[in-house]
């Protein structure tokens, strides 16, 4: 089983600029597996000025930890997204898109086999150069976060990748 970090492809597609910077930033740094559905108010974005002629695509980029999808993408991925995500509306130049908030945070990183950098003299993680996962803990999982980096964008499994 392969695991992938969920990223946007930027070549040939427009990136997003927030129209409510502080709110978007606060939410982006808070996506740690908690639910936002009860207090959610849709965020608003526009295309970057110099990318106005580029298409948005089905997964426009608002930042590495902020997975936004078109309605078409959400409908295609609904089965693999499952019940462990929230699908929260956002608006891009007046068009509805959806932020995917991964709610499942797993203890599935193999610390012995992964390449993890720690702050000197501590067990606090500075960064992870190579992720190695414990596959038994990922059975029937498609979209998840890891406990060591809850605020990093979600990981996805082969099943998700194949659905894309």
C-alpha atoms as a PDB file:
ATOM      1  CA  UNK A   1       0.000   0.000   0.000  1.00  0.00           C
ATOM      2  CA  UNK A   2       1.300   3.441  -0.909  1.00  0.00           C
ATOM      3  CA  UNK A   3       0.413   6.597   0.957  1.00  0.00           C
ATOM      4  CA  UNK A   4       0.369  10.018  -0.658  1.00  0.00           C
ATOM      5  CA  UNK A   5       0.411  13.540   0.720  1.00  0.00           C
ATOM      6  CA  UNK A   6      -2.502  15.442  -0.805  1.00  0.00           C
ATOM      7  CA  UNK A   7      -1.212  18.363  -2.893  1.00  0.00           C
ATOM      8  CA  UNK A   8      -2.536  20.571  -5.682  1.00  0.00           C
ATOM      9  CA  UNK A   9      -0.952  20.604  -9.134  1.00  0.00           C
ATOM     10  CA  UNK A  10      -0.110  24.228  -9.767  1.00  0.00           C
ATOM     11  CA  UNK A  11       1.184  24.134 -13.361  1.00  0.00           C
ATOM     12  CA  UNK A  12      -1.473  25.478 -15.685  1.00  0.00           C
ATOM     13  CA  UNK A  13      -4.023  26.163 -12.953  1.00  0.00           C
ATOM     14  CA  UNK A  14      -4.887  29.267 -10.958  1.00  0.00           C
ATOM     15  CA  UNK A  15      -3.919  29.641  -7.304  1.00  0.00           C
ATOM     16  CA  UNK A  16      -6.223  31.298  -4.816  1.00  0.00           C
ATOM     17  CA  UNK A  17      -6.024  34.458  -2.802  1.00  0.00           C
ATOM     18  CA  UNK A  18      -8.169  34.802   0.298  1.00  0.00           C
ATOM     19  CA  UNK A  19     -10.681  37.629   0.503  1.00  0.00           C
ATOM     20  CA  UNK A  20     -10.858  37.210   4.278  1.00  0.00           C
ATOM     21  CA  UNK A  21      -7.177  36.669   5.097  1.00  0.00           C
ATOM     22  CA  UNK A  22      -7.296  36.473   8.871  1.00  0.00           C
ATOM     23  CA  UNK A  23     -10.208  34.040   8.942  1.00  0.00           C
ATOM     24  CA  UNK A  24      -8.665  31.769   6.275  1.00  0.00           C
ATOM     25  CA  UNK A  25      -5.317  31.795   8.053  1.00  0.00           C
ATOM     26  CA  UNK A  26      -6.898  31.009  11.433  1.00  0.00           C
ATOM     27  CA  UNK A  27      -8.758  28.039   9.964  1.00  0.00           C
ATOM     28  CA  UNK A  28      -5.752  26.811   7.966  1.00  0.00           C
ATOM     29  CA  UNK A  29      -3.646  26.558  11.127  1.00  0.00           C
ATOM     30  CA  UNK A  30      -6.540  24.967  13.027  1.00  0.00           C
ATOM     31  CA  UNK A  31      -7.223  22.009  10.698  1.00  0.00           C
ATOM     32  CA  UNK A  32      -6.013  19.396  13.162  1.00  0.00           C
ATOM     33  CA  UNK A  33      -8.807  16.820  13.035  1.00  0.00           C
ATOM     34  CA  UNK A  34     -11.386  18.927  14.876  1.00  0.00           C
ATOM     35  CA  UNK A  35     -14.850  19.445  13.474  1.00  0.00           C
ATOM     36  CA  UNK A  36     -15.797  22.872  12.133  1.00  0.00           C
ATOM     37  CA  UNK A  37     -19.258  22.036  10.822  1.00  0.00           C
ATOM     38  CA  UNK A  38     -21.235  23.673  13.669  1.00  0.00           C
ATOM     39  CA  UNK A  39     -19.539  27.077  13.461  1.00  0.00           C
ATOM     40  CA  UNK A  40     -18.646  27.029   9.745  1.00  0.00           C
ATOM     41  CA  UNK A  41     -19.079  30.169   7.695  1.00  0.00           C
ATOM     42  CA  UNK A  42     -17.982  29.797   4.073  1.00  0.00           C
ATOM     43  CA  UNK A  43     -14.621  31.342   3.218  1.00  0.00           C
ATOM     44  CA  UNK A  44     -14.235  33.548   0.148  1.00  0.00           C
ATOM     45  CA  UNK A  45     -11.402  33.428  -2.392  1.00  0.00           C
ATOM     46  CA  UNK A  46     -10.466  34.880  -5.749  1.00  0.00           C
ATOM     47  CA  UNK A  47      -7.875  33.881  -8.334  1.00  0.00           C
ATOM     48  CA  UNK A  48      -4.472  35.545  -7.994  1.00  0.00           C
ATOM     49  CA  UNK A  49      -4.399  38.686 -10.138  1.00  0.00           C
ATOM     50  CA  UNK A  50      -1.706  37.399 -12.530  1.00  0.00           C
ATOM     51  CA  UNK A  51      -3.537  34.066 -12.988  1.00  0.00           C
ATOM     52  CA  UNK A  52      -6.998  35.371 -13.950  1.00  0.00           C
ATOM     53  CA  UNK A  53      -6.868  33.585 -17.335  1.00  0.00           C
ATOM     54  CA  UNK A  54      -5.900  30.207 -15.861  1.00  0.00           C
ATOM     55  CA  UNK A  55      -8.603  27.632 -15.046  1.00  0.00           C
ATOM     56  CA  UNK A  56      -9.318  26.709 -11.431  1.00  0.00           C
ATOM     57  CA  UNK A  57      -9.364  22.972 -12.068  1.00  0.00           C
ATOM     58  CA  UNK A  58     -11.042  20.557  -9.661  1.00  0.00           C
ATOM     59  CA  UNK A  59      -8.564  21.122  -6.814  1.00  0.00           C
ATOM     60  CA  UNK A  60      -7.424  24.737  -6.761  1.00  0.00           C
ATOM     61  CA  UNK A  61      -4.610  25.658  -4.396  1.00  0.00           C
ATOM     62  CA  UNK A  62      -5.242  27.821  -1.363  1.00  0.00           C
ATOM     63  CA  UNK A  63      -2.134  26.452   0.357  1.00  0.00           C
ATOM     64  CA  UNK A  64      -0.552  23.073   1.071  1.00  0.00           C
ATOM     65  CA  UNK A  65      -2.716  22.222   4.086  1.00  0.00           C
ATOM     66  CA  UNK A  66      -6.017  23.429   2.677  1.00  0.00           C
ATOM     67  CA  UNK A  67      -7.626  20.861   0.332  1.00  0.00           C
ATOM     68  CA  UNK A  68     -10.326  22.559  -1.733  1.00  0.00           C
ATOM     69  CA  UNK A  69     -12.301  20.604  -4.347  1.00  0.00           C
ATOM     70  CA  UNK A  70     -14.937  21.350  -6.977  1.00  0.00           C
ATOM     71  CA  UNK A  71     -18.432  19.857  -6.687  1.00  0.00           C
ATOM     72  CA  UNK A  72     -17.529  17.504  -9.551  1.00  0.00           C
ATOM     73  CA  UNK A  73     -14.474  16.235  -7.634  1.00  0.00           C
ATOM     74  CA  UNK A  74     -16.439  15.817  -4.388  1.00  0.00           C
ATOM     75  CA  UNK A  75     -19.125  13.823  -6.191  1.00  0.00           C
ATOM     76  CA  UNK A  76     -16.512  11.582  -7.852  1.00  0.00           C
ATOM     77  CA  UNK A  77     -14.669  11.051  -4.560  1.00  0.00           C
ATOM     78  CA  UNK A  78     -17.664  10.820  -2.217  1.00  0.00           C
ATOM     79  CA  UNK A  79     -17.255   7.069  -1.648  1.00  0.00           C
ATOM     80  CA  UNK A  80     -13.543   7.278  -0.812  1.00  0.00           C
ATOM     81  CA  UNK A  81     -13.912  10.449   1.233  1.00  0.00           C
ATOM     82  CA  UNK A  82     -16.225   8.501   3.530  1.00  0.00           C
ATOM     83  CA  UNK A  83     -17.516   9.657   6.880  1.00  0.00           C
ATOM     84  CA  UNK A  84     -14.208  10.770   8.346  1.00  0.00           C
ATOM     85  CA  UNK A  85     -14.154  14.123   6.561  1.00  0.00           C
ATOM     86  CA  UNK A  86     -16.271  17.239   6.605  1.00  0.00           C
ATOM     87  CA  UNK A  87     -17.203  18.788   3.281  1.00  0.00           C
ATOM     88  CA  UNK A  88     -17.408  22.526   3.983  1.00  0.00           C
ATOM     89  CA  UNK A  89     -18.456  25.133   1.392  1.00  0.00           C
ATOM     90  CA  UNK A  90     -16.107  27.898   0.238  1.00  0.00           C
ATOM     91  CA  UNK A  91     -16.610  30.412  -2.570  1.00  0.00           C
ATOM     92  CA  UNK A  92     -14.175  31.220  -5.336  1.00  0.00           C
ATOM     93  CA  UNK A  93     -15.227  34.280  -7.321  1.00  0.00           C
ATOM     94  CA  UNK A  94     -18.833  33.454  -6.395  1.00  0.00           C
ATOM     95  CA  UNK A  95     -18.625  29.762  -7.371  1.00  0.00           C
ATOM     96  CA  UNK A  96     -19.149  27.100  -4.710  1.00  0.00           C
ATOM     97  CA  UNK A  97     -16.234  24.760  -3.952  1.00  0.00           C
ATOM     98  CA  UNK A  98     -15.579  22.624  -0.877  1.00  0.00           C
ATOM     99  CA  UNK A  99     -12.905  22.428   1.778  1.00  0.00           C
ATOM    100  CA  UNK A 100     -12.222  18.838   2.812  1.00  0.00           C
ATOM    101  CA  UNK A 101     -11.531  18.713   6.539  1.00  0.00           C
ATOM    102  CA  UNK A 102      -9.996  15.366   7.511  1.00  0.00           C
ATOM    103  CA  UNK A 103     -11.293  14.353  10.940  1.00  0.00           C
ATOM    104  CA  UNK A 104      -9.389  11.105  11.419  1.00  0.00           C
ATOM    105  CA  UNK A 105      -6.012  11.508  13.137  1.00  0.00           C
ATOM    106  CA  UNK A 106      -4.088   8.245  13.290  1.00  0.00           C
ATOM    107  CA  UNK A 107      -1.124   6.934  15.263  1.00  0.00           C
ATOM    108  CA  UNK A 108       0.271   5.099  12.241  1.00  0.00           C
ATOM    109  CA  UNK A 109       3.765   6.509  11.626  1.00  0.00           C
ATOM    110  CA  UNK A 110       6.619   4.022  12.038  1.00  0.00           C
ATOM    111  CA  UNK A 111       9.136   6.146  13.969  1.00  0.00           C
ATOM    112  CA  UNK A 112      11.938   3.600  13.578  1.00  0.00           C
ATOM    113  CA  UNK A 113      11.760   3.489   9.765  1.00  0.00           C
ATOM    114  CA  UNK A 114      10.743   7.087   9.055  1.00  0.00           C
ATOM    115  CA  UNK A 115      13.330   9.862   8.692  1.00  0.00           C
ATOM    116  CA  UNK A 116      12.261  12.226  11.463  1.00  0.00           C
ATOM    117  CA  UNK A 117      14.209  15.331  12.516  1.00  0.00           C
ATOM    118  CA  UNK A 118      13.837  16.499  16.104  1.00  0.00           C
ATOM    119  CA  UNK A 119      14.683  19.775  17.797  1.00  0.00           C
ATOM    120  CA  UNK A 120      17.964  19.393  19.684  1.00  0.00           C
ATOM    121  CA  UNK A 121      17.638  17.608  22.996  1.00  0.00           C
ATOM    122  CA  UNK A 122      13.877  17.103  22.680  1.00  0.00           C
ATOM    123  CA  UNK A 123      11.349  14.701  21.258  1.00  0.00           C
ATOM    124  CA  UNK A 124       9.574  17.575  19.493  1.00  0.00           C
ATOM    125  CA  UNK A 125       9.454  16.968  15.758  1.00  0.00           C
ATOM    126  CA  UNK A 126      11.054  19.619  13.551  1.00  0.00           C
ATOM    127  CA  UNK A 127      10.240  17.856  10.288  1.00  0.00           C
ATOM    128  CA  UNK A 128       9.755  14.513   8.607  1.00  0.00           C
ATOM    129  CA  UNK A 129      11.800  13.833   5.469  1.00  0.00           C
ATOM    130  CA  UNK A 130      10.521  10.303   4.845  1.00  0.00           C
ATOM    131  CA  UNK A 131       7.231   8.872   6.050  1.00  0.00           C
ATOM    132  CA  UNK A 132       6.915   5.140   6.662  1.00  0.00           C
ATOM    133  CA  UNK A 133       3.501   3.971   7.814  1.00  0.00           C
ATOM    134  CA  UNK A 134       2.320   0.942   9.768  1.00  0.00           C
ATOM    135  CA  UNK A 135       0.029  -0.583   7.149  1.00  0.00           C
ATOM    136  CA  UNK A 136      -2.068  -2.573   9.637  1.00  0.00           C
ATOM    137  CA  UNK A 137      -3.279   0.711  11.096  1.00  0.00           C
ATOM    138  CA  UNK A 138      -4.432   1.945   7.676  1.00  0.00           C
ATOM    139  CA  UNK A 139      -6.810  -0.842   6.722  1.00  0.00           C
ATOM    140  CA  UNK A 140     -10.015   0.727   5.342  1.00  0.00           C
ATOM    141  CA  UNK A 141      -8.578   4.253   5.668  1.00  0.00           C
ATOM    142  CA  UNK A 142      -8.598   6.625   2.693  1.00  0.00           C
ATOM    143  CA  UNK A 143      -8.071  10.164   4.034  1.00  0.00           C
ATOM    144  CA  UNK A 144      -6.343  10.842   7.334  1.00  0.00           C
ATOM    145  CA  UNK A 145      -3.904  12.963   9.287  1.00  0.00           C
ATOM    146  CA  UNK A 146      -1.105  11.733  11.520  1.00  0.00           C
ATOM    147  CA  UNK A 147      -0.853  12.533  15.217  1.00  0.00           C
ATOM    148  CA  UNK A 148       2.712  13.810  14.831  1.00  0.00           C
ATOM    149  CA  UNK A 149       1.633  16.498  12.350  1.00  0.00           C
ATOM    150  CA  UNK A 150      -2.078  17.095  12.840  1.00  0.00           C
ATOM    151  CA  UNK A 151      -1.915  20.508  11.189  1.00  0.00           C
ATOM    152  CA  UNK A 152      -0.224  19.224   8.035  1.00  0.00           C
ATOM    153  CA  UNK A 153      -2.461  18.523   5.057  1.00  0.00           C
ATOM    154  CA  UNK A 154      -4.056  15.097   4.863  1.00  0.00           C
ATOM    155  CA  UNK A 155      -2.584  11.888   3.560  1.00  0.00           C
ATOM    156  CA  UNK A 156      -4.464   9.626   1.186  1.00  0.00           C
ATOM    157  CA  UNK A 157      -4.183   5.965   0.241  1.00  0.00           C
ATOM    158  CA  UNK A 158      -3.947   4.215  -3.126  1.00  0.00           C
ATOM    159  CA  UNK A 159      -7.726   3.849  -3.173  1.00  0.00           C
ATOM    160  CA  UNK A 160      -8.122   7.636  -3.109  1.00  0.00           C
ATOM    161  CA  UNK A 161      -5.419   8.125  -5.752  1.00  0.00           C
ATOM    162  CA  UNK A 162      -7.034   5.584  -8.061  1.00  0.00           C
ATOM    163  CA  UNK A 163     -10.401   7.324  -7.696  1.00  0.00           C
ATOM    164  CA  UNK A 164      -8.840  10.607  -8.795  1.00  0.00           C
END
